[in-house]
């Protein structure tokens, strides 16, 4: 027996192929590239959506030179005329595939290029030559990420020539083949530069002089990464003052990664002068009490302070009073305080909770390597005093998370 289907029931049983194109492309942009590639086999409308220009304006194409290279290169050939954002990842032994990808890229329309996931081993002299040859065609390039790769001053020279009117973001962190001269030429050429990410060894008074010149229209952010293998000359306080005068709202983010004990103090003095513009500071591996004090005194605009310390390097040094001073000094600006692998006394934890209730901190994590109080005292007194204070102010999203890895 056949029953008549009403128009409303017919709408409830709509096929997926009837989805409007703009809705389908909005969904596909959240899928992985393998899923996007396989979805073209569903039906004709999905096939057309995969090759839709609007989809690839919203999505960054991620190309791997390993197992999925065949599908990635095939997709790249089909959408090469309108793809704007590309991220490439390689492994050791994939040099030839990587060179093929460089030749396939739509350099004339490319706006974002990320190579930081590529293996260091694929960058031979031939690869750098191919990169320099093709990057000269990228007249619309806005963002380049080559962090950790052996790019040299010649590549930066070509990049400066093509990016004079378009380049806005450059990531050169851990590019140890880049000299100060090459970086100066790049920065001086790119007048629309907004975000600059460099290594600590690239810092110099000459660089700050160029950054502070009126040639740059708006520098919004400066990221500095310092590692154990880098050295830098002494920076003058005047260089920082000129930078802040030219860009009053600039945000400086600093990462200090596994610095040696004899160098961490010198690096901090260079990076955190009086009235430093540092907005986020991240210590990884090692931090000293004097460094925390320096940040607390000289960084009035600090919003995030993170310490992921190595317990073996830190020992049982109590940094609790310094953290209390840090939060007290920046109670109206600090929104994120996270410290793990450090030793904090019980009294300091209680004081942190008290200061935290009057501050703007929304995330407070103290992961102590050594809680300098018997575990019985931790269970009773801290639960009754510190957590009680914090729980009263949950409406302000204040939170104190305390855990320990060693009794």
Protein backbone atom coordinates (compact mmCIF):
# COMPACT_ATOMS: atom_id res chain seq x y z
CA UNK A 1 0.00 0.00 0.00
CA UNK A 2 1.38 3.37 -1.04
CA UNK A 3 1.05 6.46 1.14
CA UNK A 4 1.34 10.00 -0.05
CA UNK A 5 4.38 11.93 1.20
CA UNK A 6 3.75 15.47 2.37
CA UNK A 7 6.18 18.29 1.44
CA UNK A 8 7.28 18.52 5.10
CA UNK A 9 8.18 14.80 5.21
CA UNK A 10 10.03 15.17 1.94
CA UNK A 11 12.23 17.87 3.49
CA UNK A 12 13.03 15.62 6.43
CA UNK A 13 14.43 13.03 4.02
CA UNK A 14 16.61 15.38 2.02
CA UNK A 15 19.72 13.84 0.57
CA UNK A 16 23.18 15.08 1.66
CA UNK A 17 23.87 15.91 -1.95
CA UNK A 18 21.20 18.63 -1.73
CA UNK A 19 23.18 20.71 0.76
CA UNK A 20 23.85 24.24 -0.47
CA UNK A 21 27.40 24.75 -1.71
CA UNK A 22 28.31 27.41 0.86
CA UNK A 23 27.11 25.19 3.73
CA UNK A 24 29.10 22.23 2.46
CA UNK A 25 32.31 24.23 2.03
CA UNK A 26 31.90 25.62 5.55
CA UNK A 27 31.72 22.05 6.90
CA UNK A 28 34.63 20.75 4.85
CA UNK A 29 37.02 23.43 6.09
CA UNK A 30 37.02 21.71 9.50
CA UNK A 31 37.91 18.29 8.05
CA UNK A 32 41.36 16.82 7.49
CA UNK A 33 42.78 16.95 4.00
CA UNK A 34 42.46 13.20 3.53
CA UNK A 35 38.76 13.42 4.42
CA UNK A 36 38.29 16.35 2.04
CA UNK A 37 40.03 14.39 -0.70
CA UNK A 38 37.87 11.27 -0.11
CA UNK A 39 34.63 13.27 0.10
CA UNK A 40 34.86 14.07 -3.60
CA UNK A 41 33.77 10.45 -4.23
CA UNK A 42 30.41 10.85 -2.46
CA UNK A 43 28.54 12.52 -5.28
CA UNK A 44 28.87 15.11 -8.02
CA UNK A 45 27.93 18.09 -5.81
CA UNK A 46 30.55 17.10 -3.22
CA UNK A 47 33.10 16.66 -5.99
CA UNK A 48 32.50 20.24 -7.11
CA UNK A 49 32.68 21.47 -3.49
CA UNK A 50 36.13 19.94 -2.99
CA UNK A 51 37.45 22.00 -5.89
CA UNK A 52 35.54 25.11 -4.90
CA UNK A 53 37.65 28.27 -4.81
CA UNK A 54 35.96 29.54 -1.65
CA UNK A 55 36.86 26.40 0.33
CA UNK A 56 40.58 26.82 -0.26
CA UNK A 57 40.46 30.50 0.57
CA UNK A 58 39.41 29.43 4.08
CA UNK A 59 41.61 26.35 4.41
CA UNK A 60 45.37 25.91 4.51
CA UNK A 61 46.54 23.00 2.37
CA UNK A 62 48.87 20.69 4.31
CA UNK A 63 51.19 18.70 2.07
CA UNK A 64 53.26 15.76 3.26
CA UNK A 65 56.02 14.21 1.17
CA UNK A 66 55.56 10.79 2.75
CA UNK A 67 52.78 8.25 2.19
CA UNK A 68 50.14 10.80 1.22
CA UNK A 69 52.31 12.61 -1.31
CA UNK A 70 50.53 11.23 -4.39
CA UNK A 71 47.08 12.42 -3.27
CA UNK A 72 48.43 15.75 -1.98
CA UNK A 73 50.27 16.51 -5.22
CA UNK A 74 47.25 15.52 -7.30
CA UNK A 75 44.99 17.79 -5.27
CA UNK A 76 47.55 20.59 -5.50
CA UNK A 77 47.57 20.40 -9.30
CA UNK A 78 43.79 20.78 -9.43
CA UNK A 79 43.52 23.77 -7.07
CA UNK A 80 46.86 25.42 -7.86
CA UNK A 81 45.23 28.39 -9.56
CA UNK A 82 43.49 29.65 -6.42
CA UNK A 83 45.10 28.06 -3.32
CA UNK A 84 46.47 30.78 -1.03
CA UNK A 85 47.74 29.07 2.14
CA UNK A 86 50.06 26.06 2.14
CA UNK A 87 51.91 24.16 4.88
CA UNK A 88 54.54 21.57 3.91
CA UNK A 89 55.92 18.77 6.08
CA UNK A 90 58.79 16.48 5.11
CA UNK A 91 60.83 13.66 6.57
CA UNK A 92 64.41 12.59 6.07
CA UNK A 93 65.00 11.05 2.65
CA UNK A 94 62.14 12.93 0.99
CA UNK A 95 64.27 15.59 -0.69
CA UNK A 96 63.14 14.82 -4.25
CA UNK A 97 59.44 14.92 -3.37
CA UNK A 98 59.97 18.19 -1.53
CA UNK A 99 61.65 19.72 -4.57
CA UNK A 100 58.72 18.57 -6.73
CA UNK A 101 56.29 20.30 -4.36
CA UNK A 102 58.26 23.54 -4.57
CA UNK A 103 57.94 23.42 -8.35
CA UNK A 104 54.18 22.74 -8.15
CA UNK A 105 53.31 25.57 -5.76
CA UNK A 106 51.19 28.42 -7.17
CA UNK A 107 53.71 31.10 -6.25
CA UNK A 108 51.95 33.91 -8.07
CA UNK A 109 48.82 33.69 -5.86
CA UNK A 110 50.36 32.28 -2.68
CA UNK A 111 49.79 34.34 0.48
CA UNK A 112 50.90 32.05 3.35
CA UNK A 113 53.80 29.59 3.25
CA UNK A 114 54.83 27.46 6.23
CA UNK A 115 57.91 25.23 5.99
CA UNK A 116 58.74 24.83 9.68
CA UNK A 117 57.61 21.17 9.68
CA UNK A 118 60.17 20.24 7.06
CA UNK A 119 63.20 18.16 7.90
CA UNK A 120 66.50 20.01 8.15
CA UNK A 121 68.12 17.33 5.96
CA UNK A 122 66.10 18.12 2.81
CA UNK A 123 67.55 21.64 2.56
CA UNK A 124 70.60 21.08 0.39
CA UNK A 125 72.20 23.66 -1.86
CA UNK A 126 69.97 22.52 -4.75
CA UNK A 127 66.82 22.85 -2.63
CA UNK A 128 67.75 26.36 -1.54
CA UNK A 129 68.41 27.30 -5.17
CA UNK A 130 64.94 26.08 -6.19
CA UNK A 131 63.38 27.95 -3.27
CA UNK A 132 65.13 31.20 -4.19
CA UNK A 133 64.13 30.83 -7.84
CA UNK A 134 60.43 30.31 -7.16
CA UNK A 135 60.00 32.64 -4.21
CA UNK A 136 60.89 35.53 -6.50
CA UNK A 137 57.47 34.98 -8.14
CA UNK A 138 55.51 35.32 -4.87
CA UNK A 139 54.37 38.91 -5.23
CA UNK A 140 51.34 38.45 -2.93
CA UNK A 141 53.12 36.66 -0.08
CA UNK A 142 51.98 37.89 3.33
CA UNK A 143 53.27 35.30 5.81
CA UNK A 144 56.39 33.10 5.77
CA UNK A 145 57.41 30.55 8.40
CA UNK A 146 60.86 29.00 7.94
CA UNK A 147 61.69 28.57 11.63
CA UNK A 148 64.42 26.04 12.35
CA UNK A 149 65.57 25.73 8.73
CA UNK A 150 68.99 26.55 7.20
CA UNK A 151 67.79 29.48 5.09
CA UNK A 152 70.51 32.04 4.43
CA UNK A 153 70.82 35.74 3.70
CA UNK A 154 70.36 35.16 -0.04
CA UNK A 155 66.87 33.75 0.55
CA UNK A 156 66.03 36.71 2.79
CA UNK A 157 67.30 39.09 0.11
CA UNK A 158 64.91 37.65 -2.48
CA UNK A 159 62.12 37.56 0.10
CA UNK A 160 62.67 41.25 0.85
CA UNK A 161 62.47 42.17 -2.83
CA UNK A 162 59.15 40.40 -3.46
CA UNK A 163 57.60 41.23 -0.08
CA UNK A 164 58.20 44.97 -0.02
CA UNK A 165 54.51 45.78 -0.44
CA UNK A 166 52.82 42.64 0.94
CA UNK A 167 54.87 40.75 3.57
CA UNK A 168 53.33 41.13 7.04
CA UNK A 169 54.61 38.18 9.12
CA UNK A 170 58.01 36.45 9.18
CA UNK A 171 59.15 33.58 11.42
CA UNK A 172 62.94 33.15 11.55
CA UNK A 173 63.30 31.52 14.96
CA UNK A 174 66.20 29.06 15.23
CA UNK A 175 67.47 30.05 11.76
CA UNK A 176 71.12 30.06 12.74
CA UNK A 177 72.37 30.56 9.16
CA UNK A 178 70.76 34.01 9.04
CA UNK A 179 73.09 36.86 9.98
CA UNK A 180 72.19 40.23 11.45
CA UNK A 181 73.00 41.89 8.10
CA UNK A 182 70.51 39.73 6.20
CA UNK A 183 67.80 40.31 8.78
CA UNK A 184 68.37 44.07 8.71
CA UNK A 185 67.95 44.14 4.93
CA UNK A 186 64.72 42.14 5.14
CA UNK A 187 63.19 44.30 7.87
CA UNK A 188 64.19 47.52 6.12
CA UNK A 189 62.59 46.35 2.86
CA UNK A 190 59.25 45.12 4.26
CA UNK A 191 57.35 48.27 5.17
CA UNK A 192 54.09 46.50 6.10
CA UNK A 193 55.67 44.11 8.61
CA UNK A 194 53.37 43.49 11.59
CA UNK A 195 54.72 40.31 13.23
CA UNK A 196 58.42 39.41 13.51
CA UNK A 197 59.62 36.17 15.15
CA UNK A 198 63.37 35.87 15.60
CA UNK A 199 66.04 34.23 17.72
CA UNK A 200 67.81 35.95 20.58
CA UNK A 201 71.08 35.94 18.63
CA UNK A 202 69.45 38.17 15.97
CA UNK A 203 68.85 41.00 18.44
CA UNK A 204 71.07 44.05 18.11
CA UNK A 205 70.89 47.81 18.56
CA UNK A 206 70.99 48.19 14.77
CA UNK A 207 67.92 45.99 14.40
CA UNK A 208 66.02 48.04 16.97
CA UNK A 209 67.02 51.19 15.14
CA UNK A 210 65.52 49.87 11.90
CA UNK A 211 62.40 48.62 13.67
CA UNK A 212 61.97 52.01 15.33
CA UNK A 213 62.24 53.90 12.04
CA UNK A 214 59.16 55.43 10.47
CA UNK A 215 59.51 53.21 7.40
CA UNK A 216 57.52 50.45 9.13
CA UNK A 217 53.84 51.31 9.27
CA UNK A 218 52.72 49.12 12.19
CA UNK A 219 54.71 46.53 14.11
CA UNK A 220 52.26 44.76 16.42
CA UNK A 221 54.26 41.83 17.78
CA UNK A 222 57.85 40.78 18.37
CA UNK A 223 58.58 37.17 19.41
CA UNK A 224 62.04 36.29 20.73
CA UNK A 225 63.25 32.72 21.31
CA UNK A 226 66.45 32.15 23.28
CA UNK A 227 68.05 28.70 23.35
CA UNK A 228 71.13 27.25 25.00
CA UNK A 229 73.30 27.63 21.89
CA UNK A 230 72.81 31.35 21.28
CA UNK A 231 74.81 34.42 22.22
CA UNK A 232 74.08 38.11 21.80
CA UNK A 233 75.84 41.38 22.40
CA UNK A 234 74.71 43.74 25.13
CA UNK A 235 71.52 45.60 24.24
CA UNK A 236 71.12 49.19 25.35
CA UNK A 237 68.05 50.32 27.26
CA UNK A 238 67.65 53.17 24.77
CA UNK A 239 66.94 50.64 21.99
CA UNK A 240 63.93 49.31 23.87
CA UNK A 241 62.77 52.84 24.67
CA UNK A 242 62.86 53.87 21.01
CA UNK A 243 60.90 50.76 20.05
CA UNK A 244 58.20 51.44 22.64
CA UNK A 245 58.03 55.09 21.65
CA UNK A 246 57.44 54.19 18.01
CA UNK A 247 54.98 51.37 18.81
CA UNK A 248 53.32 52.01 22.21
CA UNK A 249 51.01 48.99 21.87
CA UNK A 250 53.58 46.46 20.70
CA UNK A 251 53.44 43.00 22.33
CA UNK A 252 56.73 41.22 23.02
CA UNK A 253 56.60 37.47 23.70
CA UNK A 254 59.72 35.79 25.08
CA UNK A 255 60.62 32.09 25.27
CA UNK A 256 63.78 31.11 27.15
CA UNK A 257 64.46 27.47 26.35
CA UNK A 258 66.95 25.41 28.42
CA UNK A 259 69.42 28.21 29.06
CA UNK A 260 72.56 27.50 31.06
CA UNK A 261 72.78 28.83 34.59
CA UNK A 262 75.58 31.28 33.76
CA UNK A 263 73.75 32.78 30.76
CA UNK A 264 70.14 33.01 31.91
CA UNK A 265 70.82 36.12 34.03
CA UNK A 266 72.54 37.97 31.16
CA UNK A 267 69.77 37.10 28.72
CA UNK A 268 67.10 38.30 31.16
CA UNK A 269 68.87 41.62 31.70
CA UNK A 270 68.92 42.19 27.93
CA UNK A 271 65.31 41.18 27.38
CA UNK A 272 63.69 42.74 30.44
CA UNK A 273 65.02 46.29 30.93
CA UNK A 274 63.07 48.84 32.93
CA UNK A 275 59.50 49.30 31.60
CA UNK A 276 59.89 46.34 29.25
CA UNK A 277 57.03 45.79 26.75
CA UNK A 278 57.04 42.02 27.45
CA UNK A 279 53.46 40.68 27.48
CA UNK A 280 54.20 36.95 27.74
CA UNK A 281 57.23 35.25 29.29
CA UNK A 282 57.88 31.50 29.15
CA UNK A 283 60.80 29.85 30.94
CA UNK A 284 61.50 26.29 29.92
CA UNK A 285 64.06 24.12 31.70
CA UNK A 286 65.54 26.60 34.14
CA UNK A 287 64.53 29.75 35.99
CA UNK A 288 66.17 31.57 38.88
CA UNK A 289 64.67 33.64 41.67
CA UNK A 290 66.44 36.74 40.38
CA UNK A 291 64.89 36.26 36.92
CA UNK A 292 61.37 36.13 38.38
CA UNK A 293 62.12 39.25 40.40
CA UNK A 294 63.39 41.02 37.29
CA UNK A 295 60.22 40.20 35.36
CA UNK A 296 58.06 41.33 38.27
CA UNK A 297 59.86 44.68 38.53
CA UNK A 298 60.39 45.58 34.86
CA UNK A 299 57.39 44.18 32.94
CA UNK A 300 54.34 46.34 33.74
CA UNK A 301 52.26 44.96 30.84
CA UNK A 302 52.80 41.28 31.67
CA UNK A 303 49.74 39.13 30.92
CA UNK A 304 51.14 35.60 30.87
CA UNK A 305 53.93 34.03 32.90
CA UNK A 306 54.76 30.35 32.41
CA UNK A 307 57.50 28.20 33.92
CA UNK A 308 58.04 24.60 32.82
CA UNK A 309 61.11 23.87 34.89
CA UNK A 310 63.38 20.88 35.02
CA UNK A 311 63.24 19.65 38.64
CA UNK A 312 66.80 18.33 38.52
CA UNK A 313 68.08 21.74 37.44
CA UNK A 314 65.94 23.63 39.95
CA UNK A 315 66.56 21.51 43.05
CA UNK A 316 64.66 22.48 46.21
CA UNK A 317 64.91 26.26 45.80
CA UNK A 318 61.68 27.87 47.02
CA UNK A 319 60.39 30.32 44.38
CA UNK A 320 57.08 30.90 46.16
CA UNK A 321 57.84 34.42 47.50
CA UNK A 322 58.93 35.56 44.03
CA UNK A 323 55.67 34.25 42.50
CA UNK A 324 53.66 36.07 45.16
CA UNK A 325 55.55 39.28 44.38
CA UNK A 326 54.96 38.73 40.64
CA UNK A 327 51.22 38.38 41.08
CA UNK A 328 51.02 41.31 43.51
CA UNK A 329 52.91 43.56 41.07
CA UNK A 330 50.65 42.71 38.12
CA UNK A 331 47.32 42.02 39.79
CA UNK A 332 45.48 44.19 37.22
CA UNK A 333 47.10 42.80 34.05
CA UNK A 334 48.21 39.18 34.64
CA UNK A 335 45.66 36.66 33.37
CA UNK A 336 47.73 33.46 33.19
CA UNK A 337 50.20 32.15 35.76
CA UNK A 338 51.50 28.62 35.33
CA UNK A 339 54.49 27.06 37.09
CA UNK A 340 55.40 23.38 37.01
CA UNK A 341 58.49 21.53 38.22
CA UNK A 342 59.28 24.12 40.90
CA UNK A 343 59.42 24.03 44.69
CA UNK A 344 56.90 26.16 46.54
CA UNK A 345 56.39 26.44 50.27
CA UNK A 346 53.01 25.90 51.86
CA UNK A 347 52.77 29.49 53.10
CA UNK A 348 53.46 30.78 49.60
CA UNK A 349 50.63 28.67 48.19
CA UNK A 350 48.25 30.12 50.73
CA UNK A 351 49.45 33.64 49.97
CA UNK A 352 49.07 33.03 46.21
CA UNK A 353 45.44 32.09 46.74
CA UNK A 354 44.85 35.23 48.79
CA UNK A 355 46.45 37.51 46.22
CA UNK A 356 44.69 35.67 43.40
CA UNK A 357 41.22 36.52 44.68
CA UNK A 358 41.87 40.24 44.09
CA UNK A 359 43.66 39.84 40.76
CA UNK A 360 42.58 39.30 37.16
CA UNK A 361 44.26 35.88 36.98
CA UNK A 362 41.91 33.38 35.35
CA UNK A 363 44.24 30.40 35.31
CA UNK A 364 46.66 29.64 38.13
CA UNK A 365 48.54 26.33 38.05
CA UNK A 366 51.23 25.50 40.57
CA UNK A 367 52.74 22.10 39.83
CA UNK A 368 55.29 21.66 42.58
CA UNK A 369 58.20 19.29 42.30
CA UNK A 370 58.71 19.52 46.03
CA UNK A 371 55.99 20.77 48.33
CA UNK A 372 57.98 22.20 51.21
CA UNK A 373 55.58 21.05 53.91
CA UNK A 374 54.59 17.59 55.23
CA UNK A 375 51.86 15.95 53.19
CA UNK A 376 49.54 15.93 56.21
CA UNK A 377 49.76 19.70 56.50
CA UNK A 378 49.08 20.00 52.78
CA UNK A 379 45.86 18.00 53.00
CA UNK A 380 44.41 19.79 56.01
CA UNK A 381 45.61 23.37 56.09
CA UNK A 382 45.74 24.04 52.35
CA UNK A 383 42.31 22.57 51.71
CA UNK A 384 40.82 24.52 54.58
CA UNK A 385 42.53 27.85 53.87
CA UNK A 386 43.72 28.28 50.29
CA UNK A 387 40.96 26.47 48.42
CA UNK A 388 38.33 28.07 50.61
CA UNK A 389 39.50 31.53 49.54
CA UNK A 390 39.60 30.65 45.85
CA UNK A 391 36.19 28.91 45.83
CA UNK A 392 34.55 32.08 47.11
CA UNK A 393 35.49 33.84 43.90
CA UNK A 394 34.60 31.23 41.29
CA UNK A 395 32.29 33.73 39.63
CA UNK A 396 35.40 35.61 38.46
CA UNK A 397 36.85 32.41 36.92
CA UNK A 398 39.79 32.37 39.33
CA UNK A 399 41.16 28.87 39.77
CA UNK A 400 43.99 27.41 41.80
CA UNK A 401 45.22 23.99 40.74
CA UNK A 402 47.89 22.50 42.96
CA UNK A 403 49.57 19.15 42.50
CA UNK A 404 52.92 17.72 43.50
CA UNK A 405 55.20 15.09 42.02
CA UNK A 406 57.28 14.30 45.07
CA UNK A 407 56.38 14.22 48.76
